[in-house]
Amino acid sequence: MTPDIQIRKCTTLPDFHRCVEIQREVWRESDLETEPYVTFVVAHQTGGQVLGAFDGDTMVGFSMSLVGRHGSTPYLHSHMTGVLPSHRDRRVGRLLKLFQRDEALSRDLRLVEWTFDPLEIRNAHFNFNRLGGICRKIIPNFYGVTSSPLHRGLPTDRLLVEWQLDTRRVIAAIGDLTRDPEDAPATIHLPPELEDWSKTQQTDRLIELQSRIREEFQHWFAKQYAVTGVRLTTRGVDYCLAPWSDF
């Protein structure tokens, strides 16, 4: 993994202020609103999580979660994770997630959820193929249309990831015991041009693609299918779906 990186809980005001500093560094060109340090204080005090990734004495990444409930069952909503550019591609995000899982299970919390943009394929691969998450819900325009360059002027559609922490599926995925999917009962296709469209800000093409896949996700979720992985091919990327009863 990354032996020089250590993960621990953040519990002090200096830790929480450092999380704010990392936000500003990570998203400084995206025009996103910064969560104030008091949000991290509240998350810590009300049963959520604030986790820090440390390179020596320096925090280089964090993850912040809020506590939620489905009926009488508590869970964590993983609201924000950020890693400094200097420490990306060093599996810091994975270390944060694995610590998040262990800490949640130590409190008998068995579900963590979070949202992500379905056009962000690297995130999809990490969430489904590497962590073993599933998805049964899309939230159209979750945050509304914002002025942030990060959102590219698009509706902020988000897939809701369910990370069911103590299932065999998750245990196998985090242990690197599963292969990327090859076949699936249903797929939702994204073309290989997606990355170029994003880089060159071809908003019309992105909106058209986003509208199509939104309808396809809603169609399959209504039939009680769930996203279980993503498949990279020479023709682009496929979201792979299967009936809920299959896992």
Protein backbone atom coordinates (compact mmCIF):
# COMPACT_ATOMS: atom_id res chain seq x y z
CA MET A 1 0.00 0.00 0.00
CA THR A 2 1.55 3.33 1.08
CA PRO A 3 3.53 2.60 4.25
CA ASP A 4 4.57 6.21 4.83
CA ILE A 5 0.93 7.36 5.03
CA GLN A 6 -0.93 6.91 8.31
CA ILE A 7 -4.68 7.33 8.81
CA ARG A 8 -6.21 8.46 12.09
CA LYS A 9 -9.30 10.19 13.43
CA CYS A 10 -9.30 13.97 13.53
CA THR A 11 -10.52 15.29 16.87
CA THR A 12 -8.93 18.71 17.42
CA LEU A 13 -9.60 22.20 16.11
CA PRO A 14 -6.18 22.37 14.37
CA ASP A 15 -7.08 19.15 12.53
CA PHE A 16 -10.41 20.59 11.42
CA HIS A 17 -8.81 23.83 10.25
CA ARG A 18 -6.29 21.77 8.27
CA CYS A 19 -9.18 19.98 6.52
CA VAL A 20 -10.42 23.39 5.37
CA GLU A 21 -6.94 24.28 4.06
CA ILE A 22 -6.80 21.03 2.07
CA GLN A 23 -10.23 21.76 0.57
CA ARG A 24 -8.98 25.12 -0.67
CA GLU A 25 -5.90 23.53 -2.23
CA VAL A 26 -7.75 20.63 -3.85
CA TRP A 27 -10.67 22.63 -5.26
CA ARG A 28 -9.06 26.06 -5.61
CA GLU A 29 -9.85 26.31 -9.34
CA SER A 30 -13.34 24.82 -9.15
CA ASP A 31 -15.19 27.69 -7.45
CA LEU A 32 -16.83 25.27 -5.02
CA GLU A 33 -18.00 26.51 -1.67
CA THR A 34 -15.66 25.46 1.13
CA GLU A 35 -17.11 23.63 4.12
CA PRO A 36 -16.21 25.65 7.24
CA TYR A 37 -14.32 24.06 10.10
CA VAL A 38 -17.48 24.06 12.23
CA THR A 39 -19.01 21.46 9.89
CA PHE A 40 -16.13 19.13 10.74
CA VAL A 41 -16.63 19.88 14.44
CA VAL A 42 -20.31 18.96 14.19
CA ALA A 43 -19.59 15.80 12.19
CA HIS A 44 -17.13 14.67 14.86
CA GLN A 45 -19.43 15.50 17.77
CA THR A 46 -22.62 13.93 16.37
CA GLY A 47 -21.40 10.44 15.49
CA GLY A 48 -19.98 11.07 12.03
CA GLN A 49 -16.35 10.71 11.00
CA VAL A 50 -13.49 13.05 10.30
CA LEU A 51 -10.43 11.10 9.16
CA GLY A 52 -7.01 12.44 8.24
CA ALA A 53 -4.24 10.97 6.08
CA PHE A 54 -0.83 11.99 7.40
CA ASP A 55 2.58 11.98 5.74
CA GLY A 56 4.70 12.31 8.84
CA ASP A 57 3.16 15.14 10.85
CA THR A 58 1.48 16.76 7.83
CA MET A 59 -2.13 16.04 6.92
CA VAL A 60 -2.29 15.46 3.16
CA GLY A 61 -5.86 14.22 2.83
CA PHE A 62 -9.11 13.87 4.72
CA SER A 63 -12.54 12.28 4.61
CA MET A 64 -15.62 13.64 6.35
CA SER A 65 -18.87 11.74 6.91
CA LEU A 66 -22.19 12.61 8.48
CA VAL A 67 -24.46 10.20 10.31
CA GLY A 68 -27.83 9.36 8.78
CA ARG A 69 -30.68 6.91 9.30
CA HIS A 70 -32.72 4.61 7.11
CA GLY A 71 -35.73 4.07 9.35
CA SER A 72 -34.18 2.92 12.61
CA THR A 73 -30.87 1.86 11.03
CA PRO A 74 -27.96 4.30 11.27
CA TYR A 75 -25.39 4.69 8.50
CA LEU A 76 -22.68 7.10 7.40
CA HIS A 77 -22.99 9.47 4.47
CA SER A 78 -19.46 10.11 3.18
CA HIS A 79 -19.83 13.75 2.23
CA MET A 80 -16.34 14.81 1.19
CA THR A 81 -12.89 13.35 0.55
CA GLY A 82 -9.87 15.32 -0.62
CA VAL A 83 -6.21 14.47 -1.24
CA LEU A 84 -3.52 17.03 -2.03
CA PRO A 85 -2.26 16.95 -5.64
CA SER A 86 1.22 16.06 -4.34
CA HIS A 87 -0.13 12.80 -2.91
CA ARG A 88 -2.51 11.58 -5.60
CA ASP A 89 -1.98 8.18 -7.22
CA ARG A 90 -0.44 6.92 -3.99
CA ARG A 91 -3.58 5.03 -2.87
CA VAL A 92 -4.29 7.58 -0.14
CA GLY A 93 -8.00 7.57 -1.03
CA ARG A 94 -8.09 3.80 -0.68
CA LEU A 95 -6.39 3.95 2.71
CA LEU A 96 -8.95 6.50 3.88
CA LYS A 97 -11.80 4.28 2.69
CA LEU A 98 -10.43 1.15 4.36
CA PHE A 99 -9.97 3.01 7.65
CA GLN A 100 -13.47 4.43 7.25
CA ARG A 101 -14.82 0.90 6.92
CA ASP A 102 -12.94 -0.44 9.94
CA GLU A 103 -13.97 2.47 12.14
CA ALA A 104 -17.62 2.21 11.11
CA LEU A 105 -17.74 -1.55 11.75
CA SER A 106 -16.16 -1.01 15.18
CA ARG A 107 -19.34 0.95 16.02
CA ASP A 108 -21.65 -1.61 14.38
CA LEU A 109 -22.33 0.72 11.45
CA ARG A 110 -22.63 -1.55 8.41
CA LEU A 111 -23.43 0.89 5.60
CA VAL A 112 -21.63 3.88 4.13
CA GLU A 113 -23.16 5.86 1.25
CA TRP A 114 -21.88 8.62 -1.00
CA THR A 115 -22.68 10.21 -4.34
CA PHE A 116 -20.59 10.75 -7.48
CA ASP A 117 -20.95 12.00 -11.04
CA PRO A 118 -21.68 9.05 -13.40
CA LEU A 119 -19.55 10.75 -16.08
CA GLU A 120 -16.47 10.38 -13.84
CA ILE A 121 -15.28 6.94 -14.91
CA ARG A 122 -12.24 6.70 -12.63
CA ASN A 123 -14.50 7.25 -9.64
CA ALA A 124 -16.94 4.64 -10.93
CA HIS A 125 -14.15 2.07 -11.33
CA PHE A 126 -12.91 2.76 -7.80
CA ASN A 127 -16.37 2.73 -6.20
CA PHE A 128 -17.67 -0.46 -7.83
CA ASN A 129 -14.70 -2.55 -8.99
CA ARG A 130 -12.22 -1.77 -6.22
CA LEU A 131 -14.47 -1.19 -3.21
CA GLY A 132 -17.41 -3.46 -4.07
CA GLY A 133 -20.09 -0.79 -3.84
CA ILE A 134 -23.41 -1.03 -5.64
CA CYS A 135 -25.90 1.58 -6.85
CA ARG A 136 -29.68 1.44 -7.05
CA LYS A 137 -30.52 5.13 -7.32
CA ILE A 138 -29.71 8.16 -9.45
CA ILE A 139 -30.48 11.65 -8.12
CA PRO A 140 -31.03 14.11 -10.99
CA ASN A 141 -29.45 17.56 -10.54
CA PHE A 142 -28.57 16.85 -6.90
CA TYR A 143 -26.88 20.20 -6.20
CA GLY A 144 -28.58 22.20 -8.95
CA VAL A 145 -26.69 23.83 -11.82
CA THR A 146 -23.71 25.70 -10.38
CA SER A 147 -21.11 28.16 -11.63
CA SER A 148 -18.24 25.80 -10.76
CA PRO A 149 -15.98 24.78 -13.67
CA LEU A 150 -15.86 21.38 -12.00
CA HIS A 151 -19.53 20.87 -12.91
CA ARG A 152 -19.04 22.08 -16.52
CA GLY A 153 -22.41 23.86 -16.62
CA LEU A 154 -24.23 20.51 -16.47
CA PRO A 155 -27.06 19.40 -14.21
CA THR A 156 -25.40 17.75 -11.21
CA ASP A 157 -26.75 14.21 -11.64
CA ARG A 158 -25.36 11.84 -9.04
CA LEU A 159 -25.33 8.08 -8.53
CA LEU A 160 -25.83 7.00 -4.90
CA VAL A 161 -23.27 4.36 -3.92
CA GLU A 162 -24.12 1.85 -1.21
CA TRP A 163 -21.07 0.33 0.48
CA GLN A 164 -22.42 -2.61 2.47
CA LEU A 165 -19.37 -3.06 4.64
CA ASP A 166 -19.54 -6.66 5.87
CA THR A 167 -20.83 -8.39 2.73
CA ARG A 168 -18.81 -11.03 0.91
CA ARG A 169 -18.85 -8.80 -2.16
CA VAL A 170 -17.08 -5.95 -0.35
CA ILE A 171 -14.66 -8.23 1.49
CA ALA A 172 -13.61 -9.81 -1.81
CA ALA A 173 -13.24 -6.44 -3.56
CA ILE A 174 -11.08 -4.79 -0.92
CA GLY A 175 -8.97 -7.95 -0.77
CA ASP A 176 -8.31 -7.67 -4.53
CA LEU A 177 -9.99 -11.04 -5.02
CA THR A 178 -12.41 -10.01 -7.78
CA ARG A 179 -11.92 -9.44 -11.49
CA ASP A 180 -13.34 -6.53 -13.43
CA PRO A 181 -16.69 -7.58 -14.95
CA GLU A 182 -16.70 -9.20 -18.38
CA ASP A 183 -20.39 -9.98 -18.86
CA ALA A 184 -23.55 -8.44 -17.44
CA PRO A 185 -27.32 -8.92 -17.89
CA ALA A 186 -27.63 -5.20 -18.71
CA THR A 187 -25.24 -2.38 -19.55
CA ILE A 188 -25.25 1.40 -19.95
CA HIS A 189 -22.69 2.56 -22.48
CA LEU A 190 -20.48 5.67 -22.44
CA PRO A 191 -18.54 6.40 -25.64
CA PRO A 192 -14.74 6.62 -25.84
CA GLU A 193 -15.02 10.31 -26.82
CA LEU A 194 -16.28 11.24 -23.33
CA GLU A 195 -12.87 12.28 -22.03
CA ASP A 196 -12.23 14.51 -25.05
CA TRP A 197 -15.69 16.07 -24.75
CA SER A 198 -14.94 16.92 -21.11
CA LYS A 199 -11.47 18.34 -21.82
CA THR A 200 -12.72 20.50 -24.70
CA GLN A 201 -15.88 21.54 -22.85
CA GLN A 202 -18.29 20.23 -25.48
CA THR A 203 -21.25 20.95 -23.23
CA ASP A 204 -23.98 20.11 -25.75
CA ARG A 205 -22.59 16.61 -26.30
CA LEU A 206 -22.18 16.07 -22.55
CA ILE A 207 -25.73 17.20 -21.82
CA GLU A 208 -27.08 14.87 -24.51
CA LEU A 209 -25.08 11.95 -23.10
CA GLN A 210 -26.06 12.81 -19.54
CA SER A 211 -29.75 12.91 -20.48
CA ARG A 212 -29.55 9.52 -22.21
CA ILE A 213 -27.80 7.68 -19.40
CA ARG A 214 -30.06 9.31 -16.78
CA GLU A 215 -33.07 7.76 -18.52
CA GLU A 216 -31.32 4.40 -18.84
CA PHE A 217 -30.35 4.32 -15.16
CA GLN A 218 -33.91 5.21 -14.17
CA HIS A 219 -35.25 2.48 -16.48
CA TRP A 220 -33.08 -0.27 -15.02
CA PHE A 221 -33.41 0.86 -11.40
CA ALA A 222 -37.21 0.76 -11.81
CA LYS A 223 -36.79 -2.88 -12.88
CA GLN A 224 -34.85 -3.53 -9.63
CA TYR A 225 -31.44 -3.75 -11.25
CA ALA A 226 -28.32 -2.37 -9.59
CA VAL A 227 -24.96 -1.18 -10.88
CA THR A 228 -22.32 -3.68 -9.82
CA GLY A 229 -19.25 -2.63 -11.83
CA VAL A 230 -17.80 -0.88 -14.84
CA ARG A 231 -16.15 -2.49 -17.87
CA LEU A 232 -13.53 -0.74 -20.00
CA THR A 233 -13.48 -1.77 -23.66
CA THR A 234 -12.07 -0.46 -26.93
CA ARG A 235 -15.54 0.92 -27.64
CA GLY A 236 -15.73 2.95 -24.43
CA VAL A 237 -17.01 2.17 -20.95
CA ASP A 238 -20.01 0.12 -19.84
CA TYR A 239 -21.79 0.34 -16.52
CA CYS A 240 -22.72 -3.26 -15.67
CA LEU A 241 -26.05 -3.97 -13.99
CA ALA A 242 -27.69 -7.05 -12.52
CA PRO A 243 -30.94 -7.81 -10.66
CA TRP A 244 -30.79 -7.09 -6.93
CA SER A 245 -31.54 -10.74 -6.19
CA ASP A 246 -28.25 -11.79 -7.83
CA PHE A 247 -26.07 -10.55 -4.96
